[in-house]
């Protein structure tokens, strides 16, 4: 029977066309997700600004919401004229790169009966964006070092060559049966104390969103690994990695560009928990070509392979990749990184 290969692609690439969508809602609520959000309020029935726009550096723009008030189905020519004037004022104040790929939404609020009620609602723009790539990259490198220091419980410098992280000890499984996600969360709050982490496994999820055949493991970890896990802003990828059966045919391919920090930070903590001083696992990190200007397909470069069971060596390879470049390209050279791993490491099969 042919061995199956597990290859992870940790890539998010926003390549959407700028769109203008119109919707009607009772009240405006935050509808997008981005590292940073800025509100630019405007008075009712005017295109002037209620306050100055802060002097901040804006990098990638993900979404722009224009928020106004109008009865559903309203087609008043005056409203359309006001919309144009507000957009012109907004774009004169915010520098939007030519060819920017982002969503533009027009959102009308309808929960009002009088002009006075409408005036109390928010009017203006909500900008979903990120800091410039170089700033994001610098912050990510610094954050990764702090995370490694947390795991290792020691200061990491350029002279550090090795760190010692105690091995994790997994206890026997505890069978629960059928359980809801809410109860899972409550059990995690109760059981994840005294440097113990909880891993869930289950047979299936029903249409009722209940987990069937659920059971958990408690793993005793070092104080550093426990603190690093608790510091993660998200554990979605960590939970997915926990479900993977790591074999001799597993290759991990990871995007190390700055915006991916929430994901590769989880990878580092996962390795410290699961793989530290165990079987060696092959990785290929990539950064979209080491900031090269010319990037031919298949020869973009910026690839940093490593086969290790050492959390510190894994961290060092991640840092080398980040120092080499910080991406910004879309599409990315993820397939080049996969091919590099298949060619370099024996036993990784393309199925």
Protein backbone atom coordinates (compact mmCIF):
# COMPACT_ATOMS: atom_id res chain seq x y z
CA UNK A 1 0.00 0.00 0.00
CA UNK A 2 1.43 3.34 -1.02
CA UNK A 3 2.34 5.52 1.92
CA UNK A 4 0.43 8.75 2.14
CA UNK A 5 2.21 12.05 2.49
CA UNK A 6 1.14 14.93 4.66
CA UNK A 7 2.20 18.33 3.32
CA UNK A 8 1.09 21.52 5.01
CA UNK A 9 0.64 24.77 3.15
CA UNK A 10 0.41 27.66 5.59
CA UNK A 11 -0.52 30.32 3.06
CA UNK A 12 -3.10 33.05 2.93
CA UNK A 13 -3.15 35.13 -0.21
CA UNK A 14 -5.75 37.83 -0.62
CA UNK A 15 -6.09 38.28 -4.37
CA UNK A 16 -9.58 39.67 -4.71
CA UNK A 17 -10.73 42.40 -7.01
CA UNK A 18 -11.86 45.70 -5.59
CA UNK A 19 -15.63 45.52 -5.33
CA UNK A 20 -18.41 47.92 -4.40
CA UNK A 21 -21.25 46.05 -2.67
CA UNK A 22 -24.42 47.71 -1.42
CA UNK A 23 -26.27 46.37 1.61
CA UNK A 24 -28.90 47.54 4.10
CA UNK A 25 -28.61 46.82 7.83
CA UNK A 26 -30.41 48.12 10.93
CA UNK A 27 -27.13 49.35 12.44
CA UNK A 28 -23.53 49.15 11.28
CA UNK A 29 -21.28 46.63 13.01
CA UNK A 30 -17.70 45.67 12.25
CA UNK A 31 -17.89 43.25 9.33
CA UNK A 32 -14.31 42.61 8.34
CA UNK A 33 -11.16 41.15 9.81
CA UNK A 34 -7.75 42.80 9.57
CA UNK A 35 -4.84 43.54 11.89
CA UNK A 36 -5.87 47.21 12.20
CA UNK A 37 -9.11 49.17 11.87
CA UNK A 38 -9.62 52.94 11.60
CA UNK A 39 -12.94 54.81 11.76
CA UNK A 40 -13.25 58.10 9.88
CA UNK A 41 -16.53 59.72 10.98
CA UNK A 42 -18.41 62.31 8.95
CA UNK A 43 -21.41 64.37 10.05
CA UNK A 44 -24.90 63.57 8.84
CA UNK A 45 -25.64 65.15 5.45
CA UNK A 46 -22.06 66.37 4.92
CA UNK A 47 -18.73 65.30 3.41
CA UNK A 48 -16.61 67.12 6.01
CA UNK A 49 -14.59 65.27 8.65
CA UNK A 50 -15.56 65.24 12.31
CA UNK A 51 -11.90 64.84 13.24
CA UNK A 52 -8.53 64.74 11.55
CA UNK A 53 -7.18 61.50 10.14
CA UNK A 54 -4.33 60.19 12.34
CA UNK A 55 -0.86 60.26 10.81
CA UNK A 56 -0.17 56.56 10.61
CA UNK A 57 1.57 54.38 8.05
CA UNK A 58 -0.86 52.29 6.03
CA UNK A 59 0.29 49.20 4.20
CA UNK A 60 -2.10 46.69 2.71
CA UNK A 61 -5.78 47.68 2.59
CA UNK A 62 -8.21 44.78 2.97
CA UNK A 63 -11.61 46.45 3.07
CA UNK A 64 -13.28 49.88 3.05
CA UNK A 65 -16.80 50.27 4.41
CA UNK A 66 -18.69 53.44 3.54
CA UNK A 67 -21.51 53.83 6.09
CA UNK A 68 -24.54 56.08 5.66
CA UNK A 69 -28.28 56.15 6.46
CA UNK A 70 -31.07 55.69 3.94
CA UNK A 71 -34.42 53.87 3.75
CA UNK A 72 -34.10 50.46 2.07
CA UNK A 73 -34.46 50.77 -1.67
CA UNK A 74 -33.76 54.47 -1.58
CA UNK A 75 -32.61 55.85 -4.92
CA UNK A 76 -32.49 59.53 -4.09
CA UNK A 77 -30.21 61.39 -6.46
CA UNK A 78 -29.11 63.64 -3.57
CA UNK A 79 -27.88 60.63 -1.59
CA UNK A 80 -25.87 59.39 -4.56
CA UNK A 81 -24.35 62.85 -5.01
CA UNK A 82 -23.42 62.95 -1.31
CA UNK A 83 -21.90 59.48 -1.60
CA UNK A 84 -19.66 60.59 -4.48
CA UNK A 85 -18.56 63.68 -2.57
CA UNK A 86 -17.73 61.64 0.52
CA UNK A 87 -15.74 59.09 -1.48
CA UNK A 88 -13.82 61.89 -3.18
CA UNK A 89 -13.01 63.50 0.19
CA UNK A 90 -11.97 60.14 1.67
CA UNK A 91 -9.69 59.24 -1.24
CA UNK A 92 -8.11 62.67 -1.15
CA UNK A 93 -7.12 62.06 2.48
CA UNK A 94 -6.10 58.39 2.28
CA UNK A 95 -3.48 57.23 -0.21
CA UNK A 96 -4.77 54.06 -1.83
CA UNK A 97 -2.12 52.29 -3.96
CA UNK A 98 -2.98 51.93 -7.63
CA UNK A 99 -4.30 48.44 -8.33
CA UNK A 100 -5.03 47.79 -4.63
CA UNK A 101 -6.99 44.53 -4.22
CA UNK A 102 -9.60 45.19 -1.57
CA UNK A 103 -13.34 45.15 -0.96
CA UNK A 104 -15.36 48.37 -1.05
CA UNK A 105 -18.78 48.22 0.59
CA UNK A 106 -21.60 50.75 0.78
CA UNK A 107 -23.69 50.05 3.87
CA UNK A 108 -26.95 51.89 4.57
CA UNK A 109 -28.36 51.88 8.11
CA UNK A 110 -32.16 51.74 8.21
CA UNK A 111 -33.12 51.67 11.92
CA UNK A 112 -34.39 55.26 12.26
CA UNK A 113 -37.72 57.04 11.98
CA UNK A 114 -36.73 60.68 12.17
CA UNK A 115 -33.84 62.84 11.05
CA UNK A 116 -32.79 63.25 14.68
CA UNK A 117 -32.50 59.48 15.10
CA UNK A 118 -30.52 59.18 11.85
CA UNK A 119 -28.08 61.88 12.98
CA UNK A 120 -27.13 59.79 16.04
CA UNK A 121 -25.95 56.88 13.87
CA UNK A 122 -22.39 56.52 12.60
CA UNK A 123 -21.63 58.05 9.19
CA UNK A 124 -18.33 57.88 7.35
CA UNK A 125 -15.72 55.26 6.52
CA UNK A 126 -14.22 52.26 8.27
CA UNK A 127 -10.82 51.21 6.95
CA UNK A 128 -9.49 47.67 7.49
CA UNK A 129 -5.75 47.61 6.88
CA UNK A 130 -2.32 46.46 7.95
CA UNK A 131 0.91 48.27 8.67
CA UNK A 132 3.55 48.47 5.91
CA UNK A 133 5.26 45.16 5.17
CA UNK A 134 8.61 46.19 6.57
CA UNK A 135 7.00 47.22 9.87
CA UNK A 136 4.99 43.99 10.07
CA UNK A 137 8.11 41.97 9.27
CA UNK A 138 10.23 43.69 11.93
CA UNK A 139 7.51 43.19 14.55
CA UNK A 140 7.13 39.51 13.58
CA UNK A 141 10.84 38.81 13.95
CA UNK A 142 10.88 40.43 17.36
CA UNK A 143 7.74 38.60 18.47
CA UNK A 144 9.15 35.24 17.35
CA UNK A 145 12.29 35.81 19.45
CA UNK A 146 10.17 36.70 22.49
CA UNK A 147 8.10 33.56 21.95
CA UNK A 148 11.26 31.40 21.78
CA UNK A 149 12.54 33.03 24.96
CA UNK A 150 9.24 32.22 26.62
CA UNK A 151 9.46 28.58 25.53
CA UNK A 152 13.12 28.23 26.56
CA UNK A 153 12.74 30.29 29.76
CA UNK A 154 15.98 32.12 28.97
CA UNK A 155 17.24 35.09 26.98
CA UNK A 156 18.06 34.37 23.31
CA UNK A 157 20.95 36.27 21.70
CA UNK A 158 23.02 35.93 18.52
CA UNK A 159 25.51 33.88 20.56
CA UNK A 160 22.94 31.34 21.73
CA UNK A 161 23.66 27.96 20.13
CA UNK A 162 21.36 25.62 22.03
CA UNK A 163 18.61 25.56 24.63
CA UNK A 164 17.21 22.76 26.76
CA UNK A 165 13.45 22.27 26.81
CA UNK A 166 12.07 19.49 29.04
CA UNK A 167 10.17 16.79 27.16
CA UNK A 168 6.41 16.81 27.44
CA UNK A 169 4.70 13.86 29.14
CA UNK A 170 1.28 12.77 27.88
CA UNK A 171 -1.12 11.03 30.27
CA UNK A 172 -3.61 8.33 29.31
CA UNK A 173 -6.71 9.36 27.38
CA UNK A 174 -10.03 10.06 29.08
CA UNK A 175 -13.16 9.07 27.13
CA UNK A 176 -16.07 11.52 27.25
CA UNK A 177 -18.43 10.43 24.45
CA UNK A 178 -20.81 13.05 23.09
CA UNK A 179 -20.02 16.64 23.98
CA UNK A 180 -20.77 20.17 22.83
CA UNK A 181 -18.13 22.76 21.94
CA UNK A 182 -19.28 24.93 24.83
CA UNK A 183 -18.67 22.12 27.32
CA UNK A 184 -15.30 21.43 25.74
CA UNK A 185 -14.29 25.04 26.37
CA UNK A 186 -15.47 24.87 29.99
CA UNK A 187 -13.46 21.70 30.57
CA UNK A 188 -10.36 23.32 29.08
CA UNK A 189 -10.69 26.24 31.48
CA UNK A 190 -10.90 23.85 34.42
CA UNK A 191 -8.27 21.27 33.41
CA UNK A 192 -5.61 23.42 31.72
CA UNK A 193 -3.78 24.47 34.88
CA UNK A 194 -0.45 23.68 36.54
CA UNK A 195 1.36 23.42 33.18
CA UNK A 196 -1.07 20.89 31.73
CA UNK A 197 -2.40 21.24 28.17
CA UNK A 198 -5.50 19.47 26.91
CA UNK A 199 -5.80 17.84 23.46
CA UNK A 200 -9.20 16.79 22.09
CA UNK A 201 -9.85 13.95 19.65
CA UNK A 202 -13.18 12.70 18.37
CA UNK A 203 -14.73 10.33 15.85
CA UNK A 204 -17.10 12.76 14.12
CA UNK A 205 -19.07 16.02 14.30
CA UNK A 206 -22.83 15.74 13.83
CA UNK A 207 -25.20 18.11 12.05
CA UNK A 208 -26.21 19.19 15.55
CA UNK A 209 -22.61 20.45 15.95
CA UNK A 210 -21.96 17.96 18.74
CA UNK A 211 -18.74 15.97 18.93
CA UNK A 212 -19.22 12.19 19.00
CA UNK A 213 -16.75 9.69 20.41
CA UNK A 214 -14.78 12.51 22.02
CA UNK A 215 -11.83 11.92 24.32
CA UNK A 216 -8.96 14.02 25.60
CA UNK A 217 -5.33 13.80 26.66
CA UNK A 218 -3.68 15.88 29.34
CA UNK A 219 -0.04 16.65 28.61
CA UNK A 220 2.37 17.88 31.26
CA UNK A 221 4.65 20.53 29.73
CA UNK A 222 7.33 22.90 30.93
CA UNK A 223 6.30 26.22 32.43
CA UNK A 224 7.77 27.94 29.35
CA UNK A 225 5.80 25.91 26.81
CA UNK A 226 2.62 26.37 28.86
CA UNK A 227 3.13 30.15 29.01
CA UNK A 228 3.89 30.31 25.26
CA UNK A 229 0.73 28.35 24.43
CA UNK A 230 -1.41 30.62 26.62
CA UNK A 231 0.14 33.66 24.90
CA UNK A 232 -0.93 32.58 21.39
CA UNK A 233 -3.49 34.93 19.86
CA UNK A 234 -5.08 31.99 18.03
CA UNK A 235 -4.86 28.20 18.34
CA UNK A 236 -6.78 27.19 15.19
CA UNK A 237 -3.71 25.89 13.36
CA UNK A 238 -2.35 24.32 16.55
CA UNK A 239 -5.54 22.28 16.89
CA UNK A 240 -5.34 21.12 13.27
CA UNK A 241 -1.70 20.09 13.65
CA UNK A 242 -2.64 18.07 16.74
CA UNK A 243 -4.97 15.95 14.60
CA UNK A 244 -2.25 15.04 12.07
CA UNK A 245 -0.61 11.64 12.25
CA UNK A 246 3.10 12.51 11.88
CA UNK A 247 4.94 9.80 9.94
CA UNK A 248 8.29 9.33 8.23
CA UNK A 249 6.61 10.70 5.08
CA UNK A 250 5.52 14.07 6.55
CA UNK A 251 6.90 17.32 5.16
CA UNK A 252 5.96 20.73 6.62
CA UNK A 253 6.11 23.69 4.19
CA UNK A 254 5.64 27.09 5.82
CA UNK A 255 5.28 30.68 4.63
CA UNK A 256 7.52 32.91 6.80
CA UNK A 257 6.46 36.32 5.48
CA UNK A 258 5.55 38.82 8.19
CA UNK A 259 1.76 38.65 8.00
CA UNK A 260 1.88 34.90 8.71
CA UNK A 261 3.19 35.33 12.27
CA UNK A 262 -0.09 34.20 13.94
CA UNK A 263 0.36 30.86 12.14
CA UNK A 264 4.08 30.11 12.28
CA UNK A 265 4.12 31.08 15.97
CA UNK A 266 1.65 28.24 16.55
CA UNK A 267 3.92 25.93 14.55
CA UNK A 268 6.88 26.72 16.83
CA UNK A 269 4.86 26.04 20.00
CA UNK A 270 3.44 22.85 18.47
CA UNK A 271 6.95 21.61 17.67
CA UNK A 272 8.13 22.37 21.21
CA UNK A 273 5.19 20.37 22.56
CA UNK A 274 5.10 17.42 20.15
CA UNK A 275 8.43 16.99 18.36
CA UNK A 276 11.09 18.37 20.71
CA UNK A 277 13.90 15.78 21.03
CA UNK A 278 11.67 13.18 19.36
CA UNK A 279 11.78 12.06 15.71
CA UNK A 280 13.32 14.50 13.26
CA UNK A 281 10.85 16.25 10.99
CA UNK A 282 11.69 17.90 7.64
CA UNK A 283 10.62 21.50 7.08
CA UNK A 284 10.97 23.97 4.22
CA UNK A 285 10.44 27.65 5.03
CA UNK A 286 10.04 30.22 2.25
CA UNK A 287 9.89 34.01 2.04
CA UNK A 288 9.00 34.76 -1.61
CA UNK A 289 12.53 35.09 -2.95
CA UNK A 290 14.80 36.86 -0.45
CA UNK A 291 13.52 40.29 -1.62
CA UNK A 292 14.94 39.68 -5.11
CA UNK A 293 13.69 41.97 -7.87
CA UNK A 294 13.74 39.27 -10.56
CA UNK A 295 11.79 36.15 -9.62
CA UNK A 296 11.51 33.55 -12.41
CA UNK A 297 8.91 30.87 -11.81
CA UNK A 298 10.51 27.81 -10.25
CA UNK A 299 13.71 29.70 -9.43
CA UNK A 300 12.43 32.37 -7.07
CA UNK A 301 14.55 31.18 -4.15
CA UNK A 302 14.25 32.23 -0.53
CA UNK A 303 13.96 28.59 0.57
CA UNK A 304 15.30 27.45 3.95
CA UNK A 305 15.12 23.68 4.51
CA UNK A 306 15.90 22.02 7.83
CA UNK A 307 15.38 18.53 9.26
CA UNK A 308 15.40 18.62 13.03
CA UNK A 309 13.81 17.63 16.30
CA UNK A 310 15.31 20.64 18.10
CA UNK A 311 12.92 23.50 18.76
CA UNK A 312 15.83 25.96 18.88
CA UNK A 313 17.20 24.80 15.49
CA UNK A 314 13.70 25.15 14.08
CA UNK A 315 13.48 28.69 15.47
CA UNK A 316 16.94 29.53 14.06
CA UNK A 317 15.88 28.40 10.57
CA UNK A 318 12.71 30.47 10.84
CA UNK A 319 14.75 33.54 11.79
CA UNK A 320 17.23 33.02 8.92
CA UNK A 321 14.32 32.83 6.50
CA UNK A 322 12.77 36.02 7.89
CA UNK A 323 16.10 37.88 7.74
CA UNK A 324 16.42 36.83 4.10
CA UNK A 325 13.22 38.56 2.99
CA UNK A 326 9.64 39.41 3.86
CA UNK A 327 7.54 38.66 0.80
CA UNK A 328 4.68 40.84 -0.31
CA UNK A 329 4.16 38.84 -3.50
CA UNK A 330 1.00 37.04 -4.47
CA UNK A 331 1.00 34.39 -5.86
CA UNK A 332 3.83 32.93 -3.78
CA UNK A 333 6.52 30.31 -4.37
CA UNK A 334 4.92 27.65 -2.20
CA UNK A 335 5.10 24.96 -4.92
CA UNK A 336 8.80 25.67 -5.38
CA UNK A 337 9.23 25.04 -1.65
CA UNK A 338 7.29 21.77 -1.88
CA UNK A 339 9.44 20.56 -4.78
CA UNK A 340 12.57 21.49 -2.81
CA UNK A 341 11.37 19.31 0.07
CA UNK A 342 10.49 16.38 -2.18
CA UNK A 343 13.91 16.51 -3.86
CA UNK A 344 15.90 17.01 -0.67
CA UNK A 345 14.35 14.53 1.74
CA UNK A 346 13.99 10.81 1.09
CA UNK A 347 10.66 9.13 1.72
CA UNK A 348 8.47 12.16 1.03
CA UNK A 349 6.10 10.94 -1.66
CA UNK A 350 3.89 13.05 -3.92
CA UNK A 351 0.54 11.28 -3.86
